[in-house]
């Protein structure tokens, strides 16, 4: 094994260590307790976690390609480029969905995310004229299912706000001496609070029905890393859209492609690290040494890159 192969092997090993840590401390450690009261909200969190599983699976595929690329003169690296773009977009979308501290904000973004899928299904039926009757039926059922989730999620948060209004009223009344007109005032204030929250939820859902484009989300999530991620994303996009860079890389047989492996490894590592930190915080993962282990793996990865 030459020096370049050794470098790729070490980077792959560090990325594998990160995936193992994520599986152990997040994917297998997050426990969403069954709740009738917040059933749809819990389901939303579980589905976001499945998106993260998808990013992890794609990264595992990149590691597999890297380990089997030596005998192919590193010709598999640009296949990894296409998968890497999936990883960065998936991780950034998860971070965008989890970003707001307010639950109402997070739910409205998720509803926007689902609404876009329903809209896409409608576009598919218009653009693709040769779908079979069964395919059209499957698409309609998918759209119906998504719309049901949207309605259930919206109703659940409205009910939670409504219950919260009356709980807030009862708590205040229980610790305050009854005075003339006090109950009417408190009822009005609680109702106003509920109405304001409901109005805000409606506006947020409407504003999030057109969720940002993938690159706009990436810019918003990875502000501190955009100096190099912006360039990386451009390169990854060129390969996923089969632009002239693909032709040049294959035409120039003497070109050493081994250095190109740094891009998928680096992009996957950084975006997975940021996303796992967000999931760790948002879902209150029960682990005392996750960040210490993550920091240690990050140092090893930096050393492997040289």
Protein backbone atom coordinates (compact mmCIF):
# COMPACT_ATOMS: atom_id res chain seq x y z
CA UNK A 1 0.00 0.00 0.00
CA UNK A 2 1.54 3.33 -1.08
CA UNK A 3 1.29 6.61 0.87
CA UNK A 4 -1.82 7.81 -0.96
CA UNK A 5 -3.64 4.52 -0.40
CA UNK A 6 -2.66 4.67 3.27
CA UNK A 7 -4.04 8.21 3.56
CA UNK A 8 -7.36 7.19 1.99
CA UNK A 9 -7.52 4.14 4.24
CA UNK A 10 -6.96 6.24 7.38
CA UNK A 11 -9.60 8.81 6.37
CA UNK A 12 -12.07 6.00 5.64
CA UNK A 13 -11.32 4.47 9.04
CA UNK A 14 -12.00 7.79 10.82
CA UNK A 15 -15.25 8.30 8.92
CA UNK A 16 -16.27 4.75 9.86
CA UNK A 17 -15.53 5.55 13.52
CA UNK A 18 -17.83 8.57 13.23
CA UNK A 19 -20.64 6.40 11.77
CA UNK A 20 -20.17 3.82 14.54
CA UNK A 21 -20.40 6.58 17.16
CA UNK A 22 -23.54 8.03 15.55
CA UNK A 23 -25.23 4.62 15.45
CA UNK A 24 -24.31 3.81 19.05
CA UNK A 25 -25.00 7.19 20.68
CA UNK A 26 -27.82 8.63 18.55
CA UNK A 27 -29.60 6.20 16.22
CA UNK A 28 -29.75 3.40 18.81
CA UNK A 29 -29.94 5.66 21.86
CA UNK A 30 -32.82 8.01 21.08
CA UNK A 31 -35.99 6.72 22.69
CA UNK A 32 -39.27 8.41 21.74
CA UNK A 33 -41.68 7.33 24.45
CA UNK A 34 -45.18 6.47 23.19
CA UNK A 35 -47.53 9.38 23.75
CA UNK A 36 -51.18 9.63 22.79
CA UNK A 37 -51.10 13.35 23.46
CA UNK A 38 -48.23 14.08 21.09
CA UNK A 39 -48.39 11.06 18.80
CA UNK A 40 -47.90 12.98 15.53
CA UNK A 41 -45.13 15.18 16.97
CA UNK A 42 -43.26 12.06 18.13
CA UNK A 43 -43.76 10.54 14.68
CA UNK A 44 -42.34 13.70 13.10
CA UNK A 45 -39.19 13.34 15.24
CA UNK A 46 -38.87 9.66 14.33
CA UNK A 47 -39.14 10.45 10.63
CA UNK A 48 -36.43 13.11 10.90
CA UNK A 49 -34.25 10.46 12.53
CA UNK A 50 -34.92 8.14 9.56
CA UNK A 51 -33.65 10.91 7.27
CA UNK A 52 -30.43 10.91 9.30
CA UNK A 53 -30.22 7.13 8.93
CA UNK A 54 -30.39 7.70 5.16
CA UNK A 55 -27.43 10.12 5.32
CA UNK A 56 -25.49 7.58 7.40
CA UNK A 57 -26.27 4.76 4.93
CA UNK A 58 -25.08 6.86 2.00
CA UNK A 59 -21.86 7.69 3.83
CA UNK A 60 -21.35 3.97 4.46
CA UNK A 61 -21.63 3.43 0.70
CA UNK A 62 -18.91 6.05 0.14
CA UNK A 63 -16.58 4.23 2.54
CA UNK A 64 -17.26 0.97 0.67
CA UNK A 65 -16.36 2.62 -2.65
CA UNK A 66 -13.15 4.04 -1.16
CA UNK A 67 -12.02 0.67 0.18
CA UNK A 68 -12.55 -0.91 -3.25
CA UNK A 69 -11.08 1.86 -5.39
CA UNK A 70 -7.36 1.00 -5.30
CA UNK A 71 -7.57 -1.62 -8.05
CA UNK A 72 -9.70 0.68 -10.23
CA UNK A 73 -7.15 3.52 -10.51
CA UNK A 74 -9.46 5.61 -8.29
CA UNK A 75 -12.14 5.65 -10.98
CA UNK A 76 -14.89 5.16 -8.36
CA UNK A 77 -14.23 8.43 -6.55
CA UNK A 78 -16.50 10.47 -8.78
CA UNK A 79 -19.36 8.07 -8.16
CA UNK A 80 -18.80 8.99 -4.51
CA UNK A 81 -19.18 12.66 -5.50
CA UNK A 82 -22.80 12.06 -6.50
CA UNK A 83 -23.56 10.27 -3.22
CA UNK A 84 -21.79 13.02 -1.26
CA UNK A 85 -24.19 15.62 -2.61
CA UNK A 86 -27.06 13.48 -1.30
CA UNK A 87 -25.36 13.42 2.12
CA UNK A 88 -24.83 17.19 2.34
CA UNK A 89 -28.39 17.96 1.19
CA UNK A 90 -29.95 15.42 3.56
CA UNK A 91 -27.94 16.63 6.56
CA UNK A 92 -28.68 20.28 5.84
CA UNK A 93 -32.42 19.56 5.48
CA UNK A 94 -32.45 17.79 8.85
CA UNK A 95 -30.66 20.73 10.50
CA UNK A 96 -33.13 23.14 8.87
CA UNK A 97 -36.10 21.14 10.20
CA UNK A 98 -34.60 21.04 13.71
CA UNK A 99 -33.18 24.57 13.80
CA UNK A 100 -36.02 26.58 15.46
CA UNK A 101 -36.18 26.43 19.26
CA UNK A 102 -39.96 26.90 19.19
CA UNK A 103 -41.89 23.66 18.57
CA UNK A 104 -44.47 25.54 16.48
CA UNK A 105 -41.69 26.74 14.15
CA UNK A 106 -40.33 23.20 13.76
CA UNK A 107 -43.77 21.74 13.06
CA UNK A 108 -44.57 24.41 10.48
CA UNK A 109 -41.30 23.66 8.67
CA UNK A 110 -42.05 19.94 8.66
CA UNK A 111 -45.54 20.60 7.31
CA UNK A 112 -43.93 22.73 4.58
CA UNK A 113 -41.53 19.86 3.84
CA UNK A 114 -44.48 17.43 3.41
CA UNK A 115 -46.55 19.98 1.47
CA UNK A 116 -43.72 20.30 -1.06
CA UNK A 117 -43.81 16.52 -1.57
CA UNK A 118 -47.57 16.65 -2.24
CA UNK A 119 -46.96 19.46 -4.74
CA UNK A 120 -44.21 17.44 -6.43
CA UNK A 121 -46.58 14.48 -6.83
CA UNK A 122 -49.02 16.77 -8.63
CA UNK A 123 -46.23 17.97 -10.92
CA UNK A 124 -45.15 14.40 -11.70
CA UNK A 125 -48.66 13.57 -12.90
CA UNK A 126 -48.65 16.59 -15.22
CA UNK A 127 -45.12 16.19 -16.66
CA UNK A 128 -44.97 12.41 -17.05
CA UNK A 129 -47.76 11.47 -19.43
CA UNK A 130 -47.15 7.72 -19.59
CA UNK A 131 -47.76 6.62 -16.01
CA UNK A 132 -49.86 3.46 -15.77
CA UNK A 133 -53.20 3.55 -13.93
CA UNK A 134 -51.59 1.69 -11.03
CA UNK A 135 -48.72 4.19 -10.83
CA UNK A 136 -51.19 7.10 -10.80
CA UNK A 137 -53.22 5.33 -8.10
CA UNK A 138 -50.06 4.82 -6.00
CA UNK A 139 -49.16 8.51 -6.34
CA UNK A 140 -52.68 9.56 -5.33
CA UNK A 141 -52.54 7.30 -2.27
CA UNK A 142 -49.14 8.76 -1.32
CA UNK A 143 -50.49 12.33 -1.63
CA UNK A 144 -53.56 11.38 0.43
CA UNK A 145 -51.37 9.83 3.14
CA UNK A 146 -49.15 12.93 3.33
CA UNK A 147 -52.16 15.24 3.52
CA UNK A 148 -53.57 13.14 6.38
CA UNK A 149 -50.28 13.49 8.28
CA UNK A 150 -50.33 17.26 7.68
CA UNK A 151 -53.91 17.52 9.00
CA UNK A 152 -53.22 15.33 12.04
CA UNK A 153 -50.04 17.22 12.91
CA UNK A 154 -51.77 20.59 12.55
CA UNK A 155 -54.74 19.48 14.66
CA UNK A 156 -52.46 18.03 17.34
CA UNK A 157 -50.50 21.24 17.87
CA UNK A 158 -53.71 23.31 17.85
CA UNK A 159 -55.18 21.03 20.53
CA UNK A 160 -51.97 21.29 22.56
CA UNK A 161 -52.17 25.09 22.41
CA UNK A 162 -55.84 24.97 23.41
CA UNK A 163 -55.18 22.67 26.39
CA UNK A 164 -52.20 24.84 27.34
CA UNK A 165 -54.46 27.90 27.40
CA UNK A 166 -56.81 26.35 29.96
CA UNK A 167 -54.00 24.82 32.02
CA UNK A 168 -52.39 28.24 32.20
CA UNK A 169 -55.70 29.75 33.32
CA UNK A 170 -56.29 27.12 36.01
CA UNK A 171 -52.77 27.46 37.44
CA UNK A 172 -53.09 31.23 37.73
CA UNK A 173 -56.54 30.96 39.34
CA UNK A 174 -55.35 28.37 41.85
CA UNK A 175 -52.62 30.65 43.25
CA UNK A 176 -54.52 33.95 43.09
CA UNK A 177 -57.25 35.09 45.46
CA UNK A 178 -60.55 35.50 43.63
CA UNK A 179 -61.18 39.15 42.93
CA UNK A 180 -64.04 40.83 41.12
CA UNK A 181 -63.67 40.34 37.40
CA UNK A 182 -60.36 38.44 37.75
CA UNK A 183 -61.61 35.27 36.06
CA UNK A 184 -62.95 37.22 33.09
CA UNK A 185 -59.64 39.09 32.67
CA UNK A 186 -57.56 35.91 32.93
CA UNK A 187 -59.87 34.09 30.50
CA UNK A 188 -59.52 36.92 28.02
CA UNK A 189 -55.70 36.99 28.37
CA UNK A 190 -55.41 33.21 27.95
CA UNK A 191 -57.74 33.22 24.96
CA UNK A 192 -55.75 36.10 23.39
CA UNK A 193 -52.52 34.10 23.94
CA UNK A 194 -54.09 31.03 22.28
CA UNK A 195 -55.42 33.09 19.37
CA UNK A 196 -52.05 34.78 18.79
CA UNK A 197 -50.25 31.43 18.79
CA UNK A 198 -52.83 29.94 16.43
CA UNK A 199 -52.55 32.91 14.05
CA UNK A 200 -48.76 32.63 14.13
CA UNK A 201 -48.92 28.89 13.41
CA UNK A 202 -51.19 29.52 10.39
CA UNK A 203 -48.86 32.20 9.03
CA UNK A 204 -45.79 30.02 9.55
CA UNK A 205 -47.36 27.06 7.76
CA UNK A 206 -48.29 29.29 4.83
CA UNK A 207 -44.80 30.84 4.66
CA UNK A 208 -43.12 27.42 4.84
CA UNK A 209 -45.24 25.85 2.10
CA UNK A 210 -42.51 27.07 -0.24
CA UNK A 211 -39.45 25.76 1.55
CA UNK A 212 -36.06 27.15 0.48
CA UNK A 213 -34.08 25.49 -2.30
CA UNK A 214 -31.44 22.97 -1.25
CA UNK A 215 -28.54 25.38 -1.79
CA UNK A 216 -30.32 28.14 0.17
CA UNK A 217 -30.74 25.72 3.08
CA UNK A 218 -27.07 24.73 2.85
CA UNK A 219 -26.03 28.40 2.94
CA UNK A 220 -28.22 29.02 5.99
CA UNK A 221 -27.08 25.95 7.93
CA UNK A 222 -23.35 25.90 7.17
CA UNK A 223 -22.56 29.63 7.45
CA UNK A 224 -19.19 29.05 9.15
CA UNK A 225 -18.12 26.45 6.58
CA UNK A 226 -19.46 28.11 3.42
CA UNK A 227 -16.03 29.34 2.25
CA UNK A 228 -15.12 25.83 1.13
CA UNK A 229 -18.48 24.01 1.17
CA UNK A 230 -19.84 26.38 -1.48
CA UNK A 231 -17.02 25.38 -3.84
CA UNK A 232 -17.39 21.69 -2.90
CA UNK A 233 -21.11 21.79 -3.59
CA UNK A 234 -20.48 23.32 -7.01
CA UNK A 235 -18.01 20.53 -7.89
CA UNK A 236 -20.35 17.79 -6.61
CA UNK A 237 -23.20 19.28 -8.65
CA UNK A 238 -21.12 19.21 -11.83
CA UNK A 239 -20.65 15.47 -11.49
CA UNK A 240 -24.24 14.71 -10.53
CA UNK A 241 -25.41 16.66 -13.62
CA UNK A 242 -22.80 15.02 -15.93
CA UNK A 243 -21.07 18.24 -16.97
CA UNK A 244 -17.74 18.60 -18.82
CA UNK A 245 -15.68 17.87 -15.68
CA UNK A 246 -16.82 14.25 -15.96
CA UNK A 247 -15.54 14.02 -19.53
CA UNK A 248 -12.21 15.62 -18.62
CA UNK A 249 -11.64 13.31 -15.63
CA UNK A 250 -12.21 10.21 -17.78
CA UNK A 251 -10.42 11.51 -20.86
CA UNK A 252 -7.22 12.40 -19.01
CA UNK A 253 -6.05 8.88 -18.20
CA UNK A 254 -2.73 10.07 -16.74
CA UNK A 255 -4.48 12.20 -14.10
CA UNK A 256 -4.02 11.00 -10.51
CA UNK A 257 -7.50 10.97 -8.96
CA UNK A 258 -6.47 9.77 -5.50
CA UNK A 259 -6.47 13.31 -4.07
CA UNK A 260 -10.12 13.66 -5.09
CA UNK A 261 -11.11 11.34 -2.25
CA UNK A 262 -10.47 14.16 0.22
CA UNK A 263 -13.65 15.96 -0.92
CA UNK A 264 -16.29 13.29 -0.16
CA UNK A 265 -14.58 12.33 3.10
CA UNK A 266 -14.28 15.92 4.31
CA UNK A 267 -17.78 17.02 3.27
CA UNK A 268 -19.44 13.93 4.79
CA UNK A 269 -17.47 14.23 8.02
CA UNK A 270 -18.25 17.93 8.57
CA UNK A 271 -21.95 17.74 7.68
CA UNK A 272 -22.51 14.56 9.71
CA UNK A 273 -20.73 16.13 12.69
CA UNK A 274 -22.91 19.26 12.58
CA UNK A 275 -26.10 17.26 12.05
CA UNK A 276 -25.35 14.79 14.85
CA UNK A 277 -24.67 17.69 17.25
CA UNK A 278 -28.05 19.20 16.33
CA UNK A 279 -29.84 15.88 16.86
CA UNK A 280 -27.97 15.35 20.13
CA UNK A 281 -29.16 18.71 21.47
CA UNK A 282 -32.71 18.66 20.12
CA UNK A 283 -33.56 15.12 21.24
CA UNK A 284 -31.65 15.37 24.54
CA UNK A 285 -29.67 12.21 23.87
CA UNK A 286 -28.64 10.50 27.10
CA UNK A 287 -24.87 10.32 26.67
CA UNK A 288 -22.20 11.87 28.86
CA UNK A 289 -19.20 11.43 26.57
CA UNK A 290 -20.58 11.75 23.02
CA UNK A 291 -18.89 15.09 22.36
CA UNK A 292 -15.58 13.94 23.87
CA UNK A 293 -15.56 10.91 21.56
CA UNK A 294 -16.59 13.08 18.63
CA UNK A 295 -13.76 15.53 19.33
CA UNK A 296 -11.25 12.67 19.51
CA UNK A 297 -12.40 11.23 16.14
CA UNK A 298 -12.27 14.72 14.62
CA UNK A 299 -8.63 15.11 15.70
CA UNK A 300 -7.76 11.71 14.22
CA UNK A 301 -9.47 12.69 10.96
CA UNK A 302 -7.50 15.95 10.77
CA UNK A 303 -4.25 14.03 11.26
CA UNK A 304 -5.25 11.47 8.61
CA UNK A 305 -5.85 14.23 6.08
CA UNK A 306 -2.39 15.66 6.81
